[in-house]
Amino acid sequence: MPYVSDGRKLIEHAFRHGYALPAFNFCSLEMAKACVEAAEELQALVILQTYPVDLSFSSPRVMAGMVRALAEEAGVPVMLHLDHGGGLGAVVECLRAGYSSVMLDGGGMALAQVLEATRWAVGLGVAKVNVGSASYRALLRVWCERAGELSTHCAVYAEARAAVGEQARNCIALLGAAGKAKLFSA
């Protein structure tokens, strides 16, 4: 299914059909792939999102390319979102890289700056939907609790991927998003 370049389309679809969109923060191919596989299994639309610190390890362009490639191979709509973007520079960089949507986090800004930045962002047509970081908690659990028991690096990643996938399936079901992919057309 093609990559959803305009996140508003998914958000509008969810609103019209009365369900919440699952959004999963990821920092690696394994995490992103596990979330997409869970969405495919449950026929759900899915948002993959990066957090600003993740972009210090891999550029927005690399992350967007990776998610775009996963989306092209997926059987469900996939979009990419910047979660809690720390400034206008990050927002612009992610939009130029091809992110579907961004969130400009104005938590550290004065009210006048927040209003100005919000007007600017609205002019770009950006949107935000977020469920949380359950996938990070699942991954952390495997690395902290099981890494010493597993014999190889690949075994750690396989179990971590399974844990992230399980968390994604649970979240998709909880949100009522299962089966909604077949209703969406880009």
N, C-alpha and C. Protein backbone atom coordinates (compact mmCIF):
# COMPACT_ATOMS: atom_id res chain seq x y z
N MET A 1 0.87 -1.17 0.00
CA MET A 1 0.00 0.00 0.00
C MET A 1 0.91 1.23 0.00
N PRO A 2 0.53 2.28 -0.63
CA PRO A 2 1.42 3.44 -0.68
C PRO A 2 1.56 4.14 0.68
N TYR A 3 2.68 4.81 0.82
CA TYR A 3 2.96 5.65 1.98
C TYR A 3 1.96 6.81 1.97
N VAL A 4 1.39 7.14 3.11
CA VAL A 4 0.44 8.26 3.21
C VAL A 4 1.25 9.52 3.49
N SER A 5 1.39 10.35 2.49
CA SER A 5 2.24 11.54 2.63
C SER A 5 1.53 12.68 3.35
N ASP A 6 0.22 12.72 3.33
CA ASP A 6 -0.53 13.77 4.03
C ASP A 6 -1.30 13.12 5.18
N GLY A 7 -0.77 13.27 6.39
CA GLY A 7 -1.36 12.64 7.57
C GLY A 7 -2.79 13.02 7.84
N ARG A 8 -3.20 14.19 7.36
CA ARG A 8 -4.58 14.62 7.60
C ARG A 8 -5.59 13.64 7.01
N LYS A 9 -5.22 12.95 5.92
CA LYS A 9 -6.15 12.00 5.30
C LYS A 9 -6.49 10.86 6.25
N LEU A 10 -5.47 10.33 6.95
CA LEU A 10 -5.74 9.25 7.90
C LEU A 10 -6.55 9.75 9.08
N ILE A 11 -6.19 10.93 9.57
CA ILE A 11 -6.88 11.50 10.73
C ILE A 11 -8.35 11.78 10.41
N GLU A 12 -8.60 12.34 9.24
CA GLU A 12 -9.98 12.59 8.82
C GLU A 12 -10.76 11.29 8.68
N HIS A 13 -10.11 10.26 8.13
CA HIS A 13 -10.76 8.95 7.97
C HIS A 13 -11.15 8.39 9.33
N ALA A 14 -10.23 8.43 10.29
CA ALA A 14 -10.51 7.92 11.64
C ALA A 14 -11.66 8.69 12.27
N PHE A 15 -11.67 10.00 12.09
CA PHE A 15 -12.74 10.82 12.65
C PHE A 15 -14.09 10.45 12.04
N ARG A 16 -14.12 10.34 10.71
CA ARG A 16 -15.37 10.02 10.02
C ARG A 16 -15.91 8.64 10.40
N HIS A 17 -15.00 7.69 10.66
CA HIS A 17 -15.41 6.31 10.95
C HIS A 17 -15.39 5.98 12.44
N GLY A 18 -15.11 6.96 13.28
CA GLY A 18 -15.24 6.81 14.72
C GLY A 18 -14.24 5.89 15.41
N TYR A 19 -12.98 5.98 15.08
CA TYR A 19 -11.97 5.17 15.77
C TYR A 19 -10.71 6.01 15.98
N ALA A 20 -9.86 5.55 16.88
CA ALA A 20 -8.59 6.23 17.16
C ALA A 20 -7.49 5.57 16.34
N LEU A 21 -6.52 6.36 15.93
CA LEU A 21 -5.38 5.83 15.18
C LEU A 21 -4.26 5.42 16.12
N PRO A 22 -3.73 4.22 15.95
CA PRO A 22 -2.57 3.84 16.76
C PRO A 22 -1.31 4.53 16.24
N ALA A 23 -0.52 5.07 17.15
CA ALA A 23 0.75 5.72 16.79
C ALA A 23 1.84 5.13 17.66
N PHE A 24 2.92 4.69 17.03
CA PHE A 24 3.99 4.02 17.74
C PHE A 24 5.32 4.71 17.50
N ASN A 25 5.97 5.12 18.58
CA ASN A 25 7.33 5.64 18.47
C ASN A 25 8.26 4.47 18.16
N PHE A 26 9.23 4.73 17.31
CA PHE A 26 10.21 3.69 16.96
C PHE A 26 11.57 4.35 16.80
N CYS A 27 12.61 3.54 16.96
CA CYS A 27 13.97 4.06 16.76
C CYS A 27 14.81 3.11 15.94
N SER A 28 14.21 2.05 15.41
CA SER A 28 14.97 1.09 14.60
C SER A 28 14.05 0.43 13.58
N LEU A 29 14.67 -0.19 12.61
CA LEU A 29 13.91 -0.92 11.59
C LEU A 29 13.09 -2.04 12.23
N GLU A 30 13.69 -2.74 13.22
CA GLU A 30 12.98 -3.85 13.85
C GLU A 30 11.70 -3.39 14.51
N MET A 31 11.75 -2.26 15.23
CA MET A 31 10.56 -1.74 15.90
C MET A 31 9.51 -1.32 14.88
N ALA A 32 9.93 -0.59 13.86
CA ALA A 32 8.98 -0.13 12.84
C ALA A 32 8.33 -1.31 12.13
N LYS A 33 9.14 -2.29 11.78
CA LYS A 33 8.62 -3.46 11.08
C LYS A 33 7.63 -4.24 11.94
N ALA A 34 7.92 -4.38 13.23
CA ALA A 34 7.00 -5.09 14.14
C ALA A 34 5.65 -4.38 14.20
N CYS A 35 5.66 -3.06 14.25
CA CYS A 35 4.41 -2.30 14.31
C CYS A 35 3.62 -2.43 13.01
N VAL A 36 4.31 -2.38 11.88
CA VAL A 36 3.63 -2.53 10.59
C VAL A 36 3.08 -3.94 10.44
N GLU A 37 3.83 -4.95 10.86
CA GLU A 37 3.34 -6.33 10.77
C GLU A 37 2.10 -6.53 11.64
N ALA A 38 2.09 -5.94 12.83
CA ALA A 38 0.90 -6.03 13.70
C ALA A 38 -0.29 -5.35 13.04
N ALA A 39 -0.05 -4.19 12.44
CA ALA A 39 -1.13 -3.47 11.75
C ALA A 39 -1.66 -4.29 10.58
N GLU A 40 -0.76 -4.93 9.85
CA GLU A 40 -1.20 -5.78 8.73
C GLU A 40 -2.04 -6.95 9.23
N GLU A 41 -1.57 -7.59 10.30
CA GLU A 41 -2.28 -8.74 10.86
C GLU A 41 -3.71 -8.36 11.24
N LEU A 42 -3.88 -7.15 11.78
CA LEU A 42 -5.19 -6.70 12.24
C LEU A 42 -5.89 -5.78 11.24
N GLN A 43 -5.29 -5.60 10.06
CA GLN A 43 -5.84 -4.73 9.03
C GLN A 43 -6.17 -3.35 9.57
N ALA A 44 -5.17 -2.72 10.20
CA ALA A 44 -5.33 -1.40 10.79
C ALA A 44 -4.42 -0.40 10.11
N LEU A 45 -4.87 0.83 10.03
CA LEU A 45 -4.01 1.91 9.58
C LEU A 45 -3.04 2.20 10.73
N VAL A 46 -1.85 2.70 10.43
CA VAL A 46 -0.87 2.89 11.50
C VAL A 46 -0.02 4.14 11.28
N ILE A 47 0.29 4.79 12.40
CA ILE A 47 1.22 5.92 12.40
C ILE A 47 2.51 5.45 13.06
N LEU A 48 3.62 5.60 12.36
CA LEU A 48 4.94 5.40 12.96
C LEU A 48 5.47 6.79 13.26
N GLN A 49 6.08 6.95 14.43
CA GLN A 49 6.55 8.29 14.77
C GLN A 49 7.92 8.24 15.41
N THR A 50 8.68 9.31 15.14
CA THR A 50 10.01 9.46 15.73
C THR A 50 9.96 10.57 16.78
N TYR A 51 10.81 10.42 17.75
CA TYR A 51 10.98 11.40 18.81
C TYR A 51 12.27 12.16 18.51
N PRO A 52 12.38 13.43 18.85
CA PRO A 52 13.58 14.20 18.47
C PRO A 52 14.91 13.54 18.81
N VAL A 53 15.02 12.90 19.97
CA VAL A 53 16.31 12.29 20.32
C VAL A 53 16.67 11.17 19.34
N ASP A 54 15.68 10.47 18.78
CA ASP A 54 15.95 9.42 17.80
C ASP A 54 16.61 10.00 16.55
N LEU A 55 16.30 11.25 16.25
CA LEU A 55 16.83 11.87 15.04
C LEU A 55 18.28 12.32 15.22
N SER A 56 18.81 12.19 16.42
CA SER A 56 20.24 12.47 16.61
C SER A 56 21.07 11.26 16.20
N PHE A 57 20.43 10.10 16.04
CA PHE A 57 21.13 8.88 15.62
C PHE A 57 20.93 8.59 14.15
N SER A 58 19.84 9.04 13.60
CA SER A 58 19.51 8.81 12.20
C SER A 58 18.70 10.00 11.71
N SER A 59 19.05 10.54 10.58
CA SER A 59 18.42 11.76 10.10
C SER A 59 16.95 11.55 9.72
N PRO A 60 16.18 12.64 9.69
CA PRO A 60 14.79 12.52 9.24
C PRO A 60 14.69 11.91 7.83
N ARG A 61 15.65 12.23 6.99
CA ARG A 61 15.64 11.69 5.63
C ARG A 61 15.78 10.16 5.64
N VAL A 62 16.67 9.66 6.49
CA VAL A 62 16.85 8.21 6.59
C VAL A 62 15.60 7.55 7.16
N MET A 63 15.05 8.14 8.23
CA MET A 63 13.84 7.57 8.84
C MET A 63 12.67 7.58 7.84
N ALA A 64 12.51 8.68 7.12
CA ALA A 64 11.42 8.78 6.15
C ALA A 64 11.61 7.75 5.03
N GLY A 65 12.84 7.57 4.57
CA GLY A 65 13.10 6.58 3.53
C GLY A 65 12.79 5.17 3.99
N MET A 66 13.15 4.87 5.24
CA MET A 66 12.90 3.55 5.79
C MET A 66 11.40 3.28 5.90
N VAL A 67 10.66 4.26 6.44
CA VAL A 67 9.21 4.08 6.61
C VAL A 67 8.52 4.03 5.25
N ARG A 68 8.97 4.84 4.32
CA ARG A 68 8.38 4.81 2.98
C ARG A 68 8.56 3.42 2.34
N ALA A 69 9.75 2.84 2.50
CA ALA A 69 10.01 1.50 1.95
C ALA A 69 9.12 0.45 2.63
N LEU A 70 8.98 0.53 3.95
CA LEU A 70 8.09 -0.40 4.66
C LEU A 70 6.64 -0.24 4.18
N ALA A 71 6.21 0.99 4.01
CA ALA A 71 4.84 1.26 3.58
C ALA A 71 4.57 0.69 2.19
N GLU A 72 5.53 0.82 1.30
CA GLU A 72 5.33 0.32 -0.06
C GLU A 72 5.18 -1.20 -0.09
N GLU A 73 5.76 -1.88 0.90
CA GLU A 73 5.64 -3.34 0.97
C GLU A 73 4.46 -3.79 1.83
N ALA A 74 3.87 -2.87 2.57
CA ALA A 74 2.80 -3.21 3.51
C ALA A 74 1.44 -3.31 2.81
N GLY A 75 0.55 -4.03 3.45
CA GLY A 75 -0.81 -4.16 2.94
C GLY A 75 -1.79 -3.21 3.61
N VAL A 76 -1.27 -2.27 4.42
CA VAL A 76 -2.11 -1.29 5.11
C VAL A 76 -1.48 0.09 4.97
N PRO A 77 -2.27 1.15 5.10
CA PRO A 77 -1.71 2.50 5.03
C PRO A 77 -0.78 2.79 6.21
N VAL A 78 0.35 3.43 5.92
CA VAL A 78 1.35 3.77 6.93
C VAL A 78 1.72 5.23 6.74
N MET A 79 1.80 5.97 7.85
CA MET A 79 2.28 7.35 7.78
C MET A 79 3.38 7.55 8.80
N LEU A 80 4.16 8.63 8.64
CA LEU A 80 5.27 8.95 9.54
C LEU A 80 5.04 10.31 10.17
N HIS A 81 5.22 10.37 11.48
CA HIS A 81 4.94 11.57 12.26
C HIS A 81 6.13 11.94 13.15
N LEU A 82 6.42 13.22 13.26
CA LEU A 82 7.41 13.70 14.23
C LEU A 82 6.67 13.99 15.52
N ASP A 83 7.04 13.29 16.59
CA ASP A 83 6.40 13.42 17.89
C ASP A 83 7.18 14.42 18.74
N HIS A 84 6.53 15.43 19.24
CA HIS A 84 7.13 16.45 20.12
C HIS A 84 8.36 17.11 19.50
N GLY A 85 8.21 17.61 18.28
CA GLY A 85 9.29 18.32 17.62
C GLY A 85 9.74 19.51 18.45
N GLY A 86 11.03 19.62 18.67
CA GLY A 86 11.58 20.59 19.61
C GLY A 86 11.77 21.99 19.07
N GLY A 87 11.40 22.28 17.89
CA GLY A 87 11.56 23.63 17.36
C GLY A 87 11.19 23.68 15.89
N LEU A 88 11.14 24.90 15.37
CA LEU A 88 10.74 25.07 13.97
C LEU A 88 11.73 24.41 13.02
N GLY A 89 13.01 24.43 13.38
CA GLY A 89 14.02 23.81 12.52
C GLY A 89 13.76 22.32 12.32
N ALA A 90 13.46 21.61 13.40
CA ALA A 90 13.17 20.17 13.32
C ALA A 90 11.90 19.91 12.51
N VAL A 91 10.90 20.75 12.71
CA VAL A 91 9.64 20.61 11.98
C VAL A 91 9.88 20.75 10.48
N VAL A 92 10.59 21.79 10.10
CA VAL A 92 10.86 22.02 8.68
C VAL A 92 11.70 20.89 8.09
N GLU A 93 12.73 20.45 8.82
CA GLU A 93 13.59 19.37 8.33
C GLU A 93 12.78 18.09 8.10
N CYS A 94 11.89 17.75 9.03
CA CYS A 94 11.08 16.54 8.88
C CYS A 94 10.07 16.67 7.73
N LEU A 95 9.45 17.83 7.60
CA LEU A 95 8.52 18.03 6.48
C LEU A 95 9.25 17.93 5.14
N ARG A 96 10.43 18.52 5.06
CA ARG A 96 11.22 18.44 3.81
C ARG A 96 11.65 17.01 3.53
N ALA A 97 11.87 16.21 4.58
CA ALA A 97 12.28 14.82 4.41
C ALA A 97 11.11 13.93 3.96
N GLY A 98 9.88 14.44 4.10
CA GLY A 98 8.72 13.67 3.65
C GLY A 98 7.85 13.12 4.75
N TYR A 99 7.99 13.63 5.97
CA TYR A 99 7.11 13.19 7.05
C TYR A 99 5.66 13.53 6.70
N SER A 100 4.73 12.67 7.12
CA SER A 100 3.31 12.87 6.86
C SER A 100 2.72 13.98 7.73
N SER A 101 3.23 14.12 8.95
CA SER A 101 2.76 15.16 9.86
C SER A 101 3.83 15.39 10.93
N VAL A 102 3.68 16.49 11.63
CA VAL A 102 4.62 16.84 12.69
C VAL A 102 3.86 17.46 13.86
N MET A 103 4.47 17.37 15.04
CA MET A 103 3.95 18.08 16.20
C MET A 103 5.03 19.05 16.64
N LEU A 104 4.70 20.29 16.72
CA LEU A 104 5.61 21.30 17.24
C LEU A 104 5.33 21.42 18.73
N ASP A 105 6.29 21.02 19.57
CA ASP A 105 6.12 21.06 21.02
C ASP A 105 6.58 22.43 21.53
N GLY A 106 5.63 23.23 21.98
CA GLY A 106 5.94 24.57 22.46
C GLY A 106 6.09 24.65 23.96
N GLY A 107 6.32 23.53 24.62
CA GLY A 107 6.40 23.49 26.07
C GLY A 107 7.44 24.42 26.67
N GLY A 108 8.54 24.64 26.01
CA GLY A 108 9.60 25.50 26.53
C GLY A 108 9.56 26.91 25.97
N MET A 109 8.48 27.29 25.33
CA MET A 109 8.39 28.61 24.68
C MET A 109 7.45 29.53 25.46
N ALA A 110 7.67 30.82 25.30
CA ALA A 110 6.75 31.82 25.86
C ALA A 110 5.43 31.75 25.09
N LEU A 111 4.34 32.17 25.73
CA LEU A 111 3.03 32.09 25.10
C LEU A 111 2.99 32.78 23.74
N ALA A 112 3.58 33.96 23.63
CA ALA A 112 3.58 34.68 22.35
C ALA A 112 4.30 33.87 21.27
N GLN A 113 5.39 33.19 21.64
CA GLN A 113 6.12 32.36 20.68
C GLN A 113 5.28 31.15 20.27
N VAL A 114 4.59 30.57 21.25
CA VAL A 114 3.74 29.41 20.95
C VAL A 114 2.65 29.81 19.96
N LEU A 115 2.01 30.94 20.19
CA LEU A 115 0.95 31.40 19.29
C LEU A 115 1.48 31.67 17.90
N GLU A 116 2.64 32.31 17.82
CA GLU A 116 3.24 32.60 16.51
C GLU A 116 3.62 31.30 15.80
N ALA A 117 4.26 30.40 16.52
CA ALA A 117 4.66 29.13 15.92
C ALA A 117 3.44 28.31 15.51
N THR A 118 2.37 28.36 16.29
CA THR A 118 1.15 27.63 15.96
C THR A 118 0.52 28.18 14.68
N ARG A 119 0.47 29.51 14.56
CA ARG A 119 -0.06 30.11 13.33
C ARG A 119 0.76 29.65 12.12
N TRP A 120 2.07 29.64 12.28
CA TRP A 120 2.96 29.22 11.21
C TRP A 120 2.71 27.75 10.86
N ALA A 121 2.63 26.89 11.88
CA ALA A 121 2.44 25.46 11.66
C ALA A 121 1.08 25.17 11.02
N VAL A 122 0.03 25.87 11.47
CA VAL A 122 -1.30 25.70 10.89
C VAL A 122 -1.26 26.07 9.40
N GLY A 123 -0.50 27.08 9.07
CA GLY A 123 -0.34 27.47 7.67
C GLY A 123 0.27 26.37 6.83
N LEU A 124 1.08 25.50 7.47
CA LEU A 124 1.66 24.37 6.76
C LEU A 124 0.71 23.18 6.70
N GLY A 125 -0.32 23.22 7.53
CA GLY A 125 -1.29 22.13 7.54
C GLY A 125 -0.82 20.89 8.29
N VAL A 126 -0.11 21.07 9.39
CA VAL A 126 0.38 19.91 10.13
C VAL A 126 -0.66 19.43 11.12
N ALA A 127 -0.56 18.16 11.51
CA ALA A 127 -1.54 17.56 12.41
C ALA A 127 -0.83 16.66 13.41
N LYS A 128 -1.52 16.29 14.46
CA LYS A 128 -0.94 15.47 15.54
C LYS A 128 -1.95 14.49 16.09
N VAL A 129 -1.60 13.21 16.15
CA VAL A 129 -2.35 12.19 16.86
C VAL A 129 -1.32 11.31 17.55
N ASN A 130 -1.49 11.02 18.83
CA ASN A 130 -0.48 10.26 19.57
C ASN A 130 -1.14 9.33 20.57
N VAL A 131 -0.68 8.11 20.62
CA VAL A 131 -1.19 7.15 21.58
C VAL A 131 -0.19 6.93 22.72
N GLY A 132 1.08 6.99 22.47
CA GLY A 132 2.07 6.80 23.52
C GLY A 132 3.27 6.03 23.06
N SER A 133 4.04 5.58 24.02
CA SER A 133 5.29 4.90 23.69
C SER A 133 5.31 3.48 24.24
N ALA A 134 4.23 2.76 24.07
CA ALA A 134 4.16 1.38 24.56
C ALA A 134 5.21 0.51 23.89
N SER A 135 5.54 0.79 22.64
CA SER A 135 6.53 -0.04 21.95
C SER A 135 7.90 0.10 22.60
N TYR A 136 8.26 1.29 23.09
CA TYR A 136 9.54 1.46 23.78
C TYR A 136 9.55 0.66 25.07
N ARG A 137 8.45 0.66 25.81
CA ARG A 137 8.40 -0.09 27.07
C ARG A 137 8.55 -1.59 26.81
N ALA A 138 7.93 -2.11 25.75
CA ALA A 138 8.06 -3.52 25.43
C ALA A 138 9.50 -3.86 25.06
N LEU A 139 10.12 -3.03 24.28
CA LEU A 139 11.51 -3.26 23.87
C LEU A 139 12.44 -3.20 25.07
N LEU A 140 12.25 -2.22 25.93
CA LEU A 140 13.08 -2.06 27.12
C LEU A 140 12.94 -3.28 28.03
N ARG A 141 11.73 -3.81 28.16
CA ARG A 141 11.51 -4.98 29.00
C ARG A 141 12.35 -6.15 28.52
N VAL A 142 12.38 -6.40 27.22
CA VAL A 142 13.17 -7.52 26.69
C VAL A 142 14.65 -7.28 26.94
N TRP A 143 15.13 -6.08 26.64
CA TRP A 143 16.55 -5.82 26.80
C TRP A 143 16.98 -5.89 28.26
N CYS A 144 16.18 -5.38 29.16
CA CYS A 144 16.56 -5.36 30.57
C CYS A 144 16.36 -6.71 31.26
N GLU A 145 15.29 -7.41 30.93
CA GLU A 145 14.95 -8.62 31.66
C GLU A 145 15.47 -9.90 31.02
N ARG A 146 15.66 -9.90 29.70
CA ARG A 146 15.95 -11.17 29.03
C ARG A 146 17.26 -11.21 28.27
N ALA A 147 17.92 -10.09 28.05
CA ALA A 147 19.11 -10.06 27.21
C ALA A 147 20.19 -11.02 27.69
N GLY A 148 20.38 -11.14 29.01
CA GLY A 148 21.39 -12.05 29.54
C GLY A 148 21.08 -13.51 29.29
N GLU A 149 19.81 -13.86 29.14
CA GLU A 149 19.40 -15.25 28.94
C GLU A 149 19.47 -15.68 27.47
N LEU A 150 19.41 -14.73 26.57
CA LEU A 150 19.37 -15.05 25.15
C LEU A 150 20.79 -15.21 24.61
N SER A 151 20.98 -16.18 23.73
CA SER A 151 22.33 -16.57 23.33
C SER A 151 22.98 -15.68 22.28
N THR A 152 22.20 -15.02 21.45
CA THR A 152 22.79 -14.20 20.38
C THR A 152 22.09 -12.86 20.28
N HIS A 153 22.78 -11.95 19.64
CA HIS A 153 22.21 -10.62 19.36
C HIS A 153 20.92 -10.78 18.55
N CYS A 154 20.92 -11.70 17.59
CA CYS A 154 19.72 -11.93 16.77
C CYS A 154 18.56 -12.42 17.62
N ALA A 155 18.84 -13.24 18.61
CA ALA A 155 17.77 -13.75 19.48
C ALA A 155 17.16 -12.61 20.29
N VAL A 156 17.99 -11.68 20.76
CA VAL A 156 17.49 -10.53 21.50
C VAL A 156 16.57 -9.72 20.60
N TYR A 157 17.00 -9.45 19.35
CA TYR A 157 16.17 -8.67 18.44
C TYR A 157 14.89 -9.40 18.07
N ALA A 158 14.97 -10.72 17.89
CA ALA A 158 13.76 -11.48 17.54
C ALA A 158 12.74 -11.41 18.68
N GLU A 159 13.19 -11.57 19.92
CA GLU A 159 12.26 -11.51 21.04
C GLU A 159 11.74 -10.09 21.24
N ALA A 160 12.61 -9.10 21.07
CA ALA A 160 12.19 -7.71 21.20
C ALA A 160 11.14 -7.38 20.13
N ARG A 161 11.37 -7.84 18.92
CA ARG A 161 10.42 -7.58 17.83
C ARG A 161 9.07 -8.22 18.14
N ALA A 162 9.10 -9.43 18.70
CA ALA A 162 7.85 -10.10 19.06
C ALA A 162 7.13 -9.32 20.17
N ALA A 163 7.87 -8.80 21.14
CA ALA A 163 7.26 -8.04 22.23
C ALA A 163 6.65 -6.74 21.71
N VAL A 164 7.36 -6.05 20.82
CA VAL A 164 6.83 -4.81 20.25
C VAL A 164 5.59 -5.11 19.41
N GLY A 165 5.63 -6.18 18.63
CA GLY A 165 4.47 -6.57 17.83
C GLY A 165 3.26 -6.89 18.69
N GLU A 166 3.48 -7.59 19.79
CA GLU A 166 2.38 -7.91 20.71
C GLU A 166 1.78 -6.63 21.29
N GLN A 167 2.64 -5.70 21.69
CA GLN A 167 2.17 -4.43 22.24
C GLN A 167 1.38 -3.64 21.18
N ALA A 168 1.87 -3.66 19.94
CA ALA A 168 1.18 -2.96 18.85
C ALA A 168 -0.19 -3.58 18.59
N ARG A 169 -0.27 -4.92 18.56
CA ARG A 169 -1.57 -5.58 18.34
C ARG A 169 -2.56 -5.22 19.45
N ASN A 170 -2.09 -5.23 20.69
CA ASN A 170 -2.96 -4.87 21.82
C ASN A 170 -3.48 -3.44 21.70
N CYS A 171 -2.60 -2.52 21.33
CA CYS A 171 -2.98 -1.11 21.19
C CYS A 171 -3.98 -0.93 20.05
N ILE A 172 -3.73 -1.58 18.92
CA ILE A 172 -4.63 -1.48 17.76
C ILE A 172 -6.03 -1.99 18.15
N ALA A 173 -6.08 -3.12 18.84
CA ALA A 173 -7.38 -3.67 19.26
C ALA A 173 -8.07 -2.74 20.25
N LEU A 174 -7.32 -2.22 21.22
CA LEU A 174 -7.88 -1.33 22.23
C LEU A 174 -8.49 -0.08 21.59
N LEU A 175 -7.86 0.44 20.55
CA LEU A 175 -8.33 1.66 19.90
C LEU A 175 -9.49 1.42 18.93
N GLY A 176 -9.80 0.18 18.66
CA GLY A 176 -10.87 -0.11 17.71
C GLY A 176 -10.45 0.11 16.27
N ALA A 177 -9.14 0.05 16.00
CA ALA A 177 -8.63 0.33 14.66
C ALA A 177 -8.52 -0.92 13.80
N ALA A 178 -8.67 -2.10 14.38
CA ALA A 178 -8.57 -3.34 13.61
C ALA A 178 -9.64 -3.38 12.52
N GLY A 179 -9.23 -3.77 11.33
CA GLY A 179 -10.15 -3.90 10.21
C GLY A 179 -10.46 -2.62 9.46
N LYS A 180 -9.96 -1.50 9.91
CA LYS A 180 -10.30 -0.21 9.30
C LYS A 180 -9.50 0.08 8.03
N ALA A 181 -8.38 -0.60 7.81
CA ALA A 181 -7.54 -0.33 6.64
C ALA A 181 -8.31 -0.53 5.35
N LYS A 182 -9.19 -1.53 5.30
CA LYS A 182 -9.93 -1.80 4.06
C LYS A 182 -10.92 -0.69 3.72
N LEU A 183 -11.23 0.16 4.69
CA LEU A 183 -12.16 1.27 4.44
C LEU A 183 -11.47 2.52 3.88
N PHE A 184 -10.13 2.53 3.96
CA PHE A 184 -9.36 3.73 3.59
C PHE A 184 -8.92 3.67 2.14
N SER A 185 -9.05 4.81 1.45
CA SER A 185 -8.46 4.92 0.11
C SER A 185 -7.75 6.27 0.05
N ALA A 186 -6.50 6.23 -0.39
CA ALA A 186 -5.65 7.43 -0.39
C ALA A 186 -6.12 8.48 -1.34
